[in-house]
Amino acid sequence: MGYYFLCLLVFFFNFLPIISSWGTHLCSHHEATALLQFKKSFSVKQVYIESCYGSLPKTNSWNESTNCCSWIGVTCDHVHGHVTGLDLSCTSLYGTFPSSATLFLLPHLQKLNLAFNYFEGSEMSSEFGRFASLVDLNLSQTFFKGRFPAQVFHLSKLASLDLTGDYELILEQNTIEGLVHNLTEVRLFVLDSINLSSINPHVFMNLSSSLRSLSLGGCDLRGEFPESTFYLPNLKFLNLGNNMNLSLSFLQFNRSSHLEHLDLSQMSFSKELIGLIHNLGSLKYLCLAETYFSEGLPVSITNLSSSEQLVMPSTYFSRGLPDSAGSLVSLKYLILPYSTLSGLIPRSLGNLLQLIHLDLTSNSLSGPIPSSITNLTLLEFLSIGYNQVGGSLPDKESLSYLNVSHNFLTEVGKLPWKNIKILDLSSNFINGNLPIPPRMIDVFLISNNSLSGEASSLICKSSSLGVLDLSYNNLSGVIPMCLGNLSKSLSFLNLRKNRFHGMIPPTFTDDCQLSNLNLNGNKLEGPLTPSIANCKGLEVLDLGNNNINDTFPPWLGTLPELQVLILKSNQMHGPMHNIGSGLFFSKIQIFDLSDSHFTGPLPFNTFENTSYEGNRGLRGFPLSRDCNNNEPPPPLSPSNVPTEDGSKSELSFGWKVVVLGYGCGVILGLAMGYVVFQTGKPNWVVNLVEDYLHKRRSTRPKIAYRSNGRRRIK
């Protein structure tokens, strides 16, 4: 027995190095050097790309002291340690991609993914044709330009080719013909957003029978697409959307089809074709955005019992949703925003027990929200903003997003949703006291309603609240002191145009996160609280049109990110010579002290005369009045004329350049604001104005139907 045990030990120790090496093969020095040299060819410049959110540059883990087979993004075979896979997607590589790149020294490469990097419009090298073993090639959004190299045609093993978004690449008729003819094993073929306007769509009629996914979205294809493509035996994914000059002739959808995903957005096709779409028994996703249905939603679509996603934004319907929509029992996503649906929301939607996402935004739907919605136990996203619905809100604990803004709601009662993260009740006719949002909410919008009474301090129990907008209501009393404490989570607080009085809460925390604080148009009094200086990220501070009585606080100039400061129409007074200079207001772009009582010389020369209009005691550069000019004050301008309720008129002619864009949706400023919109800078001004105009619209946005924008069904 001891002899056999000794033999086993000898065997184990002799073969241990071999067993261990199975998972730890070292890549060759030659290939490791090629990879490191390739890394050094580019800088890393991180920019926000939605598809890459949270990704870090993979090459950060690459260094010569470790085995390259252990590097992030690198795959090696288990026998020889050759590099067979390289995934550098979302690595933020930036620079010119040379034809002599050491990447081409990896002869065993089978999978190459360079998606979402920026190669500065480099010519796509013919050297890509050297990868004889290549199976998968993904160059989406790499910004290559020039003619697509013919050498890639000869990669006979290529089963996946993705060039999405490389819109400067030139693919001519012979290029597409070469790809279609030679790539006999291709299963995935994606050319989204590449200009194929000069290509005859019939070039795609001889695609490989092994093809599973074909995506030609937004390629400006013109003419008639070949029906033979629909009959490919293994095709599951077909995207022809956003080709408004592409048409489909009548074709018989095959009941044996395996098609699961179909996008025909903006295309022209016959009513008869849609009438047979129910034959696609395996279809799970259907997108028909920006199309025209003169007889409402076709019954054939509601017969797609296996469909999980129906996406039809900006679509013309001559009537409302039919009751037959409740037959789509497998549906998880129903997306019909910015269309022309009218009438009632059908109760039959309560039959869609798998529904997760329902978007009916910006239609002409009316009546109450059907109580049957409460049957949808999996519903997380519900948006019916910009309609004409009323009644009560659905009591759905599963909801994390609810938008019922710009409707006819008059009361909401207790807000029941425990898991809600975003709640938009703005621009309704909701009256009564301010409803208290759930504790876990992130965004609470209830502006432009008829709320009255005091704001309860219970609102501060929502400890994760990041955005709170109570503007344009009739709320009164003092601002709850606890809102200052909530500034450790709040980034946006808007209490504009209410009736709050008393002092601004002096409780802004040391870790204040506010970037936008708007208290304009209330009856706030007293001096400014120095605790606002704790909000180091504050970009917009609007305290205009109140009764604040204070001298100019020097600490305002120390806020490093402040870009908008509005103190107009208060009881601010005294000299300004003590507010300092140097780095004070280093980022300020809008500075409005008009209609106050400041005196003395100005310490800086940033803005023009109109910035300080209504401060008759101010003298010196940059004003045209010098310190010895005692001319009588000008007559009252419209901005100083009291209204019947004693408040000052909104006709603030004195804002001009200094108030550029901010509040310009009220009466004036659009001409000057246009400059801001055209340049796109500063973005926060654009966002403020767009948001303001959006909230103040008295009617829902209109959809313009243009002959070149929405394709009619013949």
Foldseek 3Di string as FASTA:
>chain_A
DVVVVVVVVVVCVVCVVVVVLLPPAAADPLVLVLVVQLVVQFDADDDDDPVQPPPEQQCVQRDPVDRVCPGPQWHADRPHRATATGARANNRTEEADDLPRSVLVRQNHAYYAHHPYENPQHADHLSVLSNLNHAEDHHAPHQHAEEDHLSVLNSQNHAYYAHHPNQRYDQAQVNLLSNQVRNQNHAYAYDENHAPCRYALCSNLRHHLNHAEYAHENRLHADEHDPNVLVSARHAYYHPAPNLRYEYEADARALNGNHAYYEHENYEYAPVNLVRVLSPQNHAYYEHEQAEDAAFDDLSVLSNQNHAEYAYELYEGPEADDLSVLSNQNYAYYHYDNYAYEEEDDLSVLSNQNHAEYAHHAYAYEEEDDQSVQSNQNHAYEAHDFYAYEDEDHQHQNYQYYHHEQYAYAAYPENRHQNHAAYAHDHYAHEEADHADHQQYAEDHHDNYAYEEEHDPSNVSNLQHAEDAHDHYAYEEADDLCVLVSQLRYQYDHHHAYAYEEADRLRNDLNGNHQEDHHHNYAYEEAHHPSVLSNLNHAEDAHDQYAYAEEDDLSQQVNQRHAADHHDPYAYEEEDQPNDDDSGPVRYQAAAHEQYAYAEEDPDADDAPLRHHNHVRYADPPYPHHPPDPDDDDDDDQQADADPVRTGDPPCPSRPRRCAQAVCVPPHRPVRVVVCVVVCPPVVSVVRNVVVVCSPDNHRDHDDDDPSRHHYHD
